[in-house]
Amino acid sequence: LIEDDDTVVLELRVAEEDRGKVIGRQGRTAKALRGIMKAG
C-alpha cells in the first residue's frame, strides 16, 4: 500500500498457526524483519 510519495506499507498475512512464528518471542523476529525492510 502506498500512503504517499515516500511511504510504503507492506501488509503481511500468514496462516493463523504461523503468526506466532513470524512475530517471534517478544516480537524479535518481527522487529528484525522491520529493520531489514527499513534498511532497504
All heavy atoms as atom14 arrays in JSON, in Angstrom:
{
  "sequence": "LIEDDDTVVLELRVAEEDRGKVIGRQGRTAKALRGIMKAG",
  "atom14_mask": [
    [1, 1, 1, 1, 1, 1, 1, 1, 0, 0, 0, 0, 0, 0],
    [1, 1, 1, 1, 1, 1, 1, 1, 0, 0, 0, 0, 0, 0],
    [1, 1, 1, 1, 1, 1, 1, 1, 1, 0, 0, 0, 0, 0],
    [1, 1, 1, 1, 1, 1, 1, 1, 0, 0, 0, 0, 0, 0],
    [1, 1, 1, 1, 1, 1, 1, 1, 0, 0, 0, 0, 0, 0],
    [1, 1, 1, 1, 1, 1, 1, 1, 0, 0, 0, 0, 0, 0],
    [1, 1, 1, 1, 1, 1, 1, 0, 0, 0, 0, 0, 0, 0],
    [1, 1, 1, 1, 1, 1, 1, 0, 0, 0, 0, 0, 0, 0],
    [1, 1, 1, 1, 1, 1, 1, 0, 0, 0, 0, 0, 0, 0],
    [1, 1, 1, 1, 1, 1, 1, 1, 0, 0, 0, 0, 0, 0],
    [1, 1, 1, 1, 1, 1, 1, 1, 1, 0, 0, 0, 0, 0],
    [1, 1, 1, 1, 1, 1, 1, 1, 0, 0, 0, 0, 0, 0],
    [1, 1, 1, 1, 1, 1, 1, 1, 1, 1, 1, 0, 0, 0],
    [1, 1, 1, 1, 1, 1, 1, 0, 0, 0, 0, 0, 0, 0],
    [1, 1, 1, 1, 1, 0, 0, 0, 0, 0, 0, 0, 0, 0],
    [1, 1, 1, 1, 1, 1, 1, 1, 1, 0, 0, 0, 0, 0],
    [1, 1, 1, 1, 1, 1, 1, 1, 1, 0, 0, 0, 0, 0],
    [1, 1, 1, 1, 1, 1, 1, 1, 0, 0, 0, 0, 0, 0],
    [1, 1, 1, 1, 1, 1, 1, 1, 1, 1, 1, 0, 0, 0],
    [1, 1, 1, 1, 0, 0, 0, 0, 0, 0, 0, 0, 0, 0],
    [1, 1, 1, 1, 1, 1, 1, 1, 1, 0, 0, 0, 0, 0],
    [1, 1, 1, 1, 1, 1, 1, 0, 0, 0, 0, 0, 0, 0],
    [1, 1, 1, 1, 1, 1, 1, 1, 0, 0, 0, 0, 0, 0],
    [1, 1, 1, 1, 0, 0, 0, 0, 0, 0, 0, 0, 0, 0],
    [1, 1, 1, 1, 1, 1, 1, 1, 1, 1, 1, 0, 0, 0],
    [1, 1, 1, 1, 1, 1, 1, 1, 1, 0, 0, 0, 0, 0],
    [1, 1, 1, 1, 0, 0, 0, 0, 0, 0, 0, 0, 0, 0],
    [1, 1, 1, 1, 1, 1, 1, 1, 1, 1, 1, 0, 0, 0],
    [1, 1, 1, 1, 1, 1, 1, 0, 0, 0, 0, 0, 0, 0],
    [1, 1, 1, 1, 1, 0, 0, 0, 0, 0, 0, 0, 0, 0],
    [1, 1, 1, 1, 1, 1, 1, 1, 1, 0, 0, 0, 0, 0],
    [1, 1, 1, 1, 1, 0, 0, 0, 0, 0, 0, 0, 0, 0],
    [1, 1, 1, 1, 1, 1, 1, 1, 0, 0, 0, 0, 0, 0],
    [1, 1, 1, 1, 1, 1, 1, 1, 1, 1, 1, 0, 0, 0],
    [1, 1, 1, 1, 0, 0, 0, 0, 0, 0, 0, 0, 0, 0],
    [1, 1, 1, 1, 1, 1, 1, 1, 0, 0, 0, 0, 0, 0],
    [1, 1, 1, 1, 1, 1, 1, 1, 0, 0, 0, 0, 0, 0],
    [1, 1, 1, 1, 1, 1, 1, 1, 1, 0, 0, 0, 0, 0],
    [1, 1, 1, 1, 1, 0, 0, 0, 0, 0, 0, 0, 0, 0],
    [1, 1, 1, 1, 0, 0, 0, 0, 0, 0, 0, 0, 0, 0]
  ],
  "atom14_positions": [
    [[0.86, -1.18, 0.0], [0.0, 0.0, 0.0], [0.89, 1.23, 0.0], [1.79, 1.34, 0.83], [-0.9, 0.02, 1.24], [-1.74, -1.22, 1.5], [-2.4, -1.13, 2.86], [-2.78, -1.38, 0.42], [0.0, 0.0, 0.0], [0.0, 0.0, 0.0], [0.0, 0.0, 0.0], [0.0, 0.0, 0.0], [0.0, 0.0, 0.0], [0.0, 0.0, 0.0]],
    [[0.66, 2.13, -0.92], [1.47, 3.35, -0.98], [0.67, 4.46, -0.33], [-0.4, 4.83, -0.8], [1.82, 3.7, -2.45], [2.62, 2.55, -3.04], [2.58, 5.02, -2.51], [2.91, 2.67, -4.51], [0.0, 0.0, 0.0], [0.0, 0.0, 0.0], [0.0, 0.0, 0.0], [0.0, 0.0, 0.0], [0.0, 0.0, 0.0], [0.0, 0.0, 0.0]],
    [[1.19, 4.97, 0.79], [0.5, 6.03, 1.53], [0.77, 7.39, 0.92], [-0.12, 8.2, 0.79], [0.89, 6.01, 3.0], [0.32, 4.83, 3.73], [0.43, 4.99, 5.23], [1.13, 5.89, 5.71], [-0.2, 4.19, 5.92], [0.0, 0.0, 0.0], [0.0, 0.0, 0.0], [0.0, 0.0, 0.0], [0.0, 0.0, 0.0], [0.0, 0.0, 0.0]],
    [[2.0, 7.66, 0.59], [2.36, 8.89, -0.1], [3.64, 8.63, -0.88], [4.06, 7.5, -1.02], [2.48, 10.08, 0.87], [3.46, 9.84, 2.01], [4.53, 9.29, 1.76], [3.14, 10.22, 3.15], [0.0, 0.0, 0.0], [0.0, 0.0, 0.0], [0.0, 0.0, 0.0], [0.0, 0.0, 0.0], [0.0, 0.0, 0.0], [0.0, 0.0, 0.0]],
    [[4.24, 9.67, -1.4], [5.4, 9.51, -2.3], [6.58, 8.77, -1.67], [7.31, 8.09, -2.37], [5.88, 10.88, -2.8], [4.88, 11.49, -3.77], [4.05, 10.74, -4.32], [4.92, 12.71, -3.96], [0.0, 0.0, 0.0], [0.0, 0.0, 0.0], [0.0, 0.0, 0.0], [0.0, 0.0, 0.0], [0.0, 0.0, 0.0], [0.0, 0.0, 0.0]],
    [[6.75, 8.9, -0.35], [7.94, 8.29, 0.24], [7.62, 7.27, 1.33], [8.52, 6.82, 2.03], [8.88, 9.36, 0.76], [8.25, 10.22, 1.85], [7.04, 10.16, 2.01], [9.01, 10.95, 2.52], [0.0, 0.0, 0.0], [0.0, 0.0, 0.0], [0.0, 0.0, 0.0], [0.0, 0.0, 0.0], [0.0, 0.0, 0.0], [0.0, 0.0, 0.0]],
    [[6.36, 6.86, 1.49], [6.0, 5.87, 2.5], [5.27, 4.7, 1.85], [4.3, 4.89, 1.11], [5.1, 6.49, 3.59], [5.79, 7.59, 4.18], [4.77, 5.47, 4.66], [0.0, 0.0, 0.0], [0.0, 0.0, 0.0], [0.0, 0.0, 0.0], [0.0, 0.0, 0.0], [0.0, 0.0, 0.0], [0.0, 0.0, 0.0], [0.0, 0.0, 0.0]],
    [[5.75, 3.5, 2.13], [5.14, 2.28, 1.63], [4.8, 1.4, 2.83], [5.63, 1.21, 3.72], [6.1, 1.51, 0.68], [5.49, 0.21, 0.23], [6.47, 2.38, -0.5], [0.0, 0.0, 0.0], [0.0, 0.0, 0.0], [0.0, 0.0, 0.0], [0.0, 0.0, 0.0], [0.0, 0.0, 0.0], [0.0, 0.0, 0.0], [0.0, 0.0, 0.0]],
    [[3.58, 0.87, 2.85], [3.17, -0.05, 3.91], [3.05, -1.43, 3.3], [2.35, -1.63, 2.3], [1.82, 0.37, 4.54], [1.39, -0.64, 5.58], [1.9, 1.75, 5.14], [0.0, 0.0, 0.0], [0.0, 0.0, 0.0], [0.0, 0.0, 0.0], [0.0, 0.0, 0.0], [0.0, 0.0, 0.0], [0.0, 0.0, 0.0], [0.0, 0.0, 0.0]],
    [[3.74, -2.39, 3.88], [3.64, -3.78, 3.45], [2.79, -4.52, 4.48], [3.12, -4.53, 5.66], [5.02, -4.43, 3.35], [5.98, -3.82, 2.34], [7.33, -4.53, 2.42], [5.42, -3.92, 0.94], [0.0, 0.0, 0.0], [0.0, 0.0, 0.0], [0.0, 0.0, 0.0], [0.0, 0.0, 0.0], [0.0, 0.0, 0.0], [0.0, 0.0, 0.0]],
    [[1.68, -5.09, 4.04], [0.83, -5.88, 4.92], [1.17, -7.35, 4.71], [1.11, -7.86, 3.6], [-0.64, -5.65, 4.61], [-1.13, -4.3, 5.01], [-2.62, -4.13, 4.82], [-3.24, -4.92, 4.08], [-3.17, -3.19, 5.4], [0.0, 0.0, 0.0], [0.0, 0.0, 0.0], [0.0, 0.0, 0.0], [0.0, 0.0, 0.0], [0.0, 0.0, 0.0]],
    [[1.54, -8.01, 5.78], [1.93, -9.41, 5.74], [0.82, -10.25, 6.37], [0.44, -10.02, 7.51], [3.24, -9.6, 6.5], [3.76, -11.03, 6.65], [4.04, -11.66, 5.29], [5.0, -11.04, 7.51], [0.0, 0.0, 0.0], [0.0, 0.0, 0.0], [0.0, 0.0, 0.0], [0.0, 0.0, 0.0], [0.0, 0.0, 0.0], [0.0, 0.0, 0.0]],
    [[0.3, -11.19, 5.6], [-0.72, -12.11, 6.1], [-0.15, -13.52, 6.05], [0.4, -13.93, 5.02], [-1.97, -12.05, 5.24], [-2.78, -10.81, 5.44], [-4.07, -10.86, 4.6], [-4.95, -9.76, 4.92], [-4.81, -8.54, 4.44], [-3.82, -8.26, 3.63], [-5.65, -7.58, 4.79], [0.0, 0.0, 0.0], [0.0, 0.0, 0.0], [0.0, 0.0, 0.0]],
    [[-0.29, -14.24, 7.16], [0.15, -15.64, 7.23], [-0.97, -16.45, 7.87], [-1.91, -15.89, 8.44], [1.46, -15.8, 8.04], [2.61, -15.08, 7.36], [1.3, -15.31, 9.45], [0.0, 0.0, 0.0], [0.0, 0.0, 0.0], [0.0, 0.0, 0.0], [0.0, 0.0, 0.0], [0.0, 0.0, 0.0], [0.0, 0.0, 0.0], [0.0, 0.0, 0.0]],
    [[-0.86, -17.76, 7.79], [-1.83, -18.64, 8.44], [-1.83, -18.36, 9.94], [-0.8, -18.0, 10.53], [-1.5, -20.09, 8.17], [0.0, 0.0, 0.0], [0.0, 0.0, 0.0], [0.0, 0.0, 0.0], [0.0, 0.0, 0.0], [0.0, 0.0, 0.0], [0.0, 0.0, 0.0], [0.0, 0.0, 0.0], [0.0, 0.0, 0.0], [0.0, 0.0, 0.0]],
    [[-3.0, -18.52, 10.56], [-3.13, -18.21, 11.99], [-2.12, -18.98, 12.83], [-1.54, -18.43, 13.76], [-4.55, -18.53, 12.45], [-4.82, -18.09, 13.87], [-6.27, -18.28, 14.26], [-7.13, -18.33, 13.37], [-6.53, -18.39, 15.47], [0.0, 0.0, 0.0], [0.0, 0.0, 0.0], [0.0, 0.0, 0.0], [0.0, 0.0, 0.0], [0.0, 0.0, 0.0]],
    [[-1.87, -20.23, 12.5], [-0.94, -21.04, 13.28], [0.53, -20.63, 13.07], [1.4, -21.0, 13.85], [-1.11, -22.53, 13.0], [-0.91, -22.93, 11.56], [-2.15, -22.86, 10.69], [-3.19, -22.37, 11.14], [-2.06, -23.29, 9.52], [0.0, 0.0, 0.0], [0.0, 0.0, 0.0], [0.0, 0.0, 0.0], [0.0, 0.0, 0.0], [0.0, 0.0, 0.0]],
    [[0.8, -19.84, 12.03], [2.17, -19.38, 11.76], [2.43, -17.97, 12.3], [3.57, -17.52, 12.32], [2.44, -19.38, 10.25], [2.56, -20.78, 9.69], [2.98, -21.68, 10.44], [2.25, -20.97, 8.5], [0.0, 0.0, 0.0], [0.0, 0.0, 0.0], [0.0, 0.0, 0.0], [0.0, 0.0, 0.0], [0.0, 0.0, 0.0], [0.0, 0.0, 0.0]],
    [[1.39, -17.28, 12.72], [1.54, -15.89, 13.14], [2.54, -15.75, 14.29], [3.37, -14.84, 14.3], [0.18, -15.32, 13.55], [0.18, -13.82, 13.58], [-1.19, -13.22, 13.73], [-2.06, -13.68, 12.65], [-3.29, -14.14, 12.82], [-3.82, -14.19, 14.01], [-4.01, -14.54, 11.78], [0.0, 0.0, 0.0], [0.0, 0.0, 0.0], [0.0, 0.0, 0.0]],
    [[2.5, -16.65, 15.24], [3.43, -16.59, 16.37], [4.87, -16.76, 15.94], [5.77, -16.12, 16.49], [0.0, 0.0, 0.0], [0.0, 0.0, 0.0], [0.0, 0.0, 0.0], [0.0, 0.0, 0.0], [0.0, 0.0, 0.0], [0.0, 0.0, 0.0], [0.0, 0.0, 0.0], [0.0, 0.0, 0.0], [0.0, 0.0, 0.0], [0.0, 0.0, 0.0]],
    [[5.11, -17.61, 14.94], [6.47, -17.8, 14.44], [6.99, -16.54, 13.77], [8.16, -16.2, 13.89], [6.5, -18.95, 13.43], [6.23, -20.29, 14.04], [6.23, -21.34, 12.96], [5.83, -22.68, 13.53], [5.75, -23.7, 12.5], [0.0, 0.0, 0.0], [0.0, 0.0, 0.0], [0.0, 0.0, 0.0], [0.0, 0.0, 0.0], [0.0, 0.0, 0.0]],
    [[6.11, -15.87, 13.02], [6.52, -14.66, 12.3], [6.79, -13.52, 13.28], [7.72, -12.74, 13.09], [5.45, -14.27, 11.26], [5.76, -12.93, 10.64], [5.35, -15.34, 10.18], [0.0, 0.0, 0.0], [0.0, 0.0, 0.0], [0.0, 0.0, 0.0], [0.0, 0.0, 0.0], [0.0, 0.0, 0.0], [0.0, 0.0, 0.0], [0.0, 0.0, 0.0]],
    [[6.0, -13.45, 14.33], [6.2, -12.39, 15.33], [7.41, -12.72, 16.21], [8.22, -11.85, 16.5], [4.93, -12.19, 16.17], [3.81, -11.67, 15.26], [5.19, -11.25, 17.33], [2.46, -11.61, 15.91], [0.0, 0.0, 0.0], [0.0, 0.0, 0.0], [0.0, 0.0, 0.0], [0.0, 0.0, 0.0], [0.0, 0.0, 0.0], [0.0, 0.0, 0.0]],
    [[7.53, -13.97, 16.62], [8.67, -14.39, 17.43], [8.51, -14.04, 18.9], [7.59, -13.34, 19.3], [0.0, 0.0, 0.0], [0.0, 0.0, 0.0], [0.0, 0.0, 0.0], [0.0, 0.0, 0.0], [0.0, 0.0, 0.0], [0.0, 0.0, 0.0], [0.0, 0.0, 0.0], [0.0, 0.0, 0.0], [0.0, 0.0, 0.0], [0.0, 0.0, 0.0]],
    [[9.41, -14.57, 19.69], [9.38, -14.29, 21.13], [9.64, -12.82, 21.38], [10.62, -12.26, 20.92], [10.44, -15.11, 21.85], [10.08, -16.55, 21.93], [10.97, -17.26, 22.93], [10.48, -18.63, 23.06], [11.25, -19.68, 23.17], [12.55, -19.54, 23.19], [10.71, -20.87, 23.3], [0.0, 0.0, 0.0], [0.0, 0.0, 0.0], [0.0, 0.0, 0.0]],
    [[8.74, -12.23, 22.13], [8.79, -10.81, 22.46], [8.91, -9.93, 21.22], [9.45, -8.83, 21.26], [9.92, -10.52, 23.44], [9.76, -11.24, 24.76], [10.89, -10.97, 25.72], [11.92, -10.42, 25.35], [10.71, -11.38, 26.96], [0.0, 0.0, 0.0], [0.0, 0.0, 0.0], [0.0, 0.0, 0.0], [0.0, 0.0, 0.0], [0.0, 0.0, 0.0]],
    [[8.43, -10.42, 20.08], [8.42, -9.64, 18.84], [9.76, -9.51, 18.16], [9.93, -8.69, 17.27], [0.0, 0.0, 0.0], [0.0, 0.0, 0.0], [0.0, 0.0, 0.0], [0.0, 0.0, 0.0], [0.0, 0.0, 0.0], [0.0, 0.0, 0.0], [0.0, 0.0, 0.0], [0.0, 0.0, 0.0], [0.0, 0.0, 0.0], [0.0, 0.0, 0.0]],
    [[10.71, -10.34, 18.53], [12.07, -10.19, 17.98], [12.15, -10.45, 16.49], [12.84, -9.72, 15.76], [13.03, -11.11, 18.72], [13.29, -10.66, 20.13], [14.27, -11.57, 20.83], [14.39, -11.15, 22.22], [14.75, -11.95, 23.18], [15.06, -13.21, 22.94], [14.85, -11.49, 24.41], [0.0, 0.0, 0.0], [0.0, 0.0, 0.0], [0.0, 0.0, 0.0]],
    [[11.46, -11.47, 16.01], [11.51, -11.78, 14.58], [10.85, -10.67, 13.77], [11.39, -10.23, 12.75], [10.83, -13.14, 14.3], [11.44, -14.14, 15.11], [10.97, -13.53, 12.84], [0.0, 0.0, 0.0], [0.0, 0.0, 0.0], [0.0, 0.0, 0.0], [0.0, 0.0, 0.0], [0.0, 0.0, 0.0], [0.0, 0.0, 0.0], [0.0, 0.0, 0.0]],
    [[9.7, -10.2, 14.23], [9.02, -9.1, 13.53], [9.88, -7.85, 13.54], [9.98, -7.14, 12.53], [7.67, -8.83, 14.19], [0.0, 0.0, 0.0], [0.0, 0.0, 0.0], [0.0, 0.0, 0.0], [0.0, 0.0, 0.0], [0.0, 0.0, 0.0], [0.0, 0.0, 0.0], [0.0, 0.0, 0.0], [0.0, 0.0, 0.0], [0.0, 0.0, 0.0]],
    [[10.52, -7.58, 14.65], [11.38, -6.4, 14.75], [12.56, -6.51, 13.77], [12.93, -5.53, 13.12], [11.89, -6.25, 16.19], [12.68, -5.0, 16.43], [13.07, -4.86, 17.89], [13.89, -3.62, 18.12], [14.27, -3.46, 19.52], [0.0, 0.0, 0.0], [0.0, 0.0, 0.0], [0.0, 0.0, 0.0], [0.0, 0.0, 0.0], [0.0, 0.0, 0.0]],
    [[13.14, -7.7, 13.67], [14.26, -7.9, 12.74], [13.8, -7.72, 11.3], [14.49, -7.09, 10.49], [14.86, -9.29, 12.94], [0.0, 0.0, 0.0], [0.0, 0.0, 0.0], [0.0, 0.0, 0.0], [0.0, 0.0, 0.0], [0.0, 0.0, 0.0], [0.0, 0.0, 0.0], [0.0, 0.0, 0.0], [0.0, 0.0, 0.0], [0.0, 0.0, 0.0]],
    [[12.62, -8.26, 10.97], [12.07, -8.12, 9.62], [11.84, -6.64, 9.3], [12.18, -6.17, 8.22], [10.77, -8.91, 9.52], [10.03, -8.85, 8.21], [10.89, -9.41, 7.08], [8.73, -9.63, 8.31], [0.0, 0.0, 0.0], [0.0, 0.0, 0.0], [0.0, 0.0, 0.0], [0.0, 0.0, 0.0], [0.0, 0.0, 0.0], [0.0, 0.0, 0.0]],
    [[11.29, -5.93, 10.25], [11.05, -4.49, 10.04], [12.37, -3.73, 9.87], [12.46, -2.82, 9.05], [10.26, -3.91, 11.21], [8.82, -4.38, 11.21], [8.03, -3.82, 12.37], [6.64, -4.2, 12.25], [5.97, -4.88, 13.18], [6.57, -5.21, 14.32], [4.71, -5.19, 12.99], [0.0, 0.0, 0.0], [0.0, 0.0, 0.0], [0.0, 0.0, 0.0]],
    [[13.38, -4.13, 10.61], [14.69, -3.48, 10.48], [15.32, -3.7, 9.12], [15.89, -2.78, 8.53], [0.0, 0.0, 0.0], [0.0, 0.0, 0.0], [0.0, 0.0, 0.0], [0.0, 0.0, 0.0], [0.0, 0.0, 0.0], [0.0, 0.0, 0.0], [0.0, 0.0, 0.0], [0.0, 0.0, 0.0], [0.0, 0.0, 0.0], [0.0, 0.0, 0.0]],
    [[15.19, -4.91, 8.61], [15.73, -5.21, 7.27], [15.0, -4.39, 6.21], [15.62, -3.82, 5.32], [15.6, -6.72, 6.97], [16.56, -7.5, 7.87], [15.87, -7.01, 5.5], [16.31, -8.99, 7.87], [0.0, 0.0, 0.0], [0.0, 0.0, 0.0], [0.0, 0.0, 0.0], [0.0, 0.0, 0.0], [0.0, 0.0, 0.0], [0.0, 0.0, 0.0]],
    [[13.68, -4.33, 6.32], [12.9, -3.57, 5.34], [13.19, -2.08, 5.44], [13.26, -1.38, 4.43], [11.41, -3.84, 5.52], [11.01, -5.28, 5.29], [11.62, -5.96, 3.72], [10.74, -4.94, 2.56], [0.0, 0.0, 0.0], [0.0, 0.0, 0.0], [0.0, 0.0, 0.0], [0.0, 0.0, 0.0], [0.0, 0.0, 0.0], [0.0, 0.0, 0.0]],
    [[13.4, -1.6, 6.66], [13.73, -0.18, 6.86], [15.06, 0.15, 6.19], [15.19, 1.17, 5.52], [13.78, 0.14, 8.35], [14.07, 1.58, 8.65], [14.06, 1.84, 10.15], [14.38, 3.28, 10.44], [14.36, 3.57, 11.88], [0.0, 0.0, 0.0], [0.0, 0.0, 0.0], [0.0, 0.0, 0.0], [0.0, 0.0, 0.0], [0.0, 0.0, 0.0]],
    [[16.04, -0.74, 6.37], [17.36, -0.51, 5.77], [17.26, -0.51, 4.24], [17.89, 0.32, 3.58], [18.34, -1.59, 6.23], [0.0, 0.0, 0.0], [0.0, 0.0, 0.0], [0.0, 0.0, 0.0], [0.0, 0.0, 0.0], [0.0, 0.0, 0.0], [0.0, 0.0, 0.0], [0.0, 0.0, 0.0], [0.0, 0.0, 0.0], [0.0, 0.0, 0.0]],
    [[16.47, -1.42, 3.69], [16.28, -1.45, 2.24], [15.57, -0.19, 1.75], [15.87, 0.32, 0.67], [0.0, 0.0, 0.0], [0.0, 0.0, 0.0], [0.0, 0.0, 0.0], [0.0, 0.0, 0.0], [0.0, 0.0, 0.0], [0.0, 0.0, 0.0], [0.0, 0.0, 0.0], [0.0, 0.0, 0.0], [0.0, 0.0, 0.0], [0.0, 0.0, 0.0]]
  ]
}
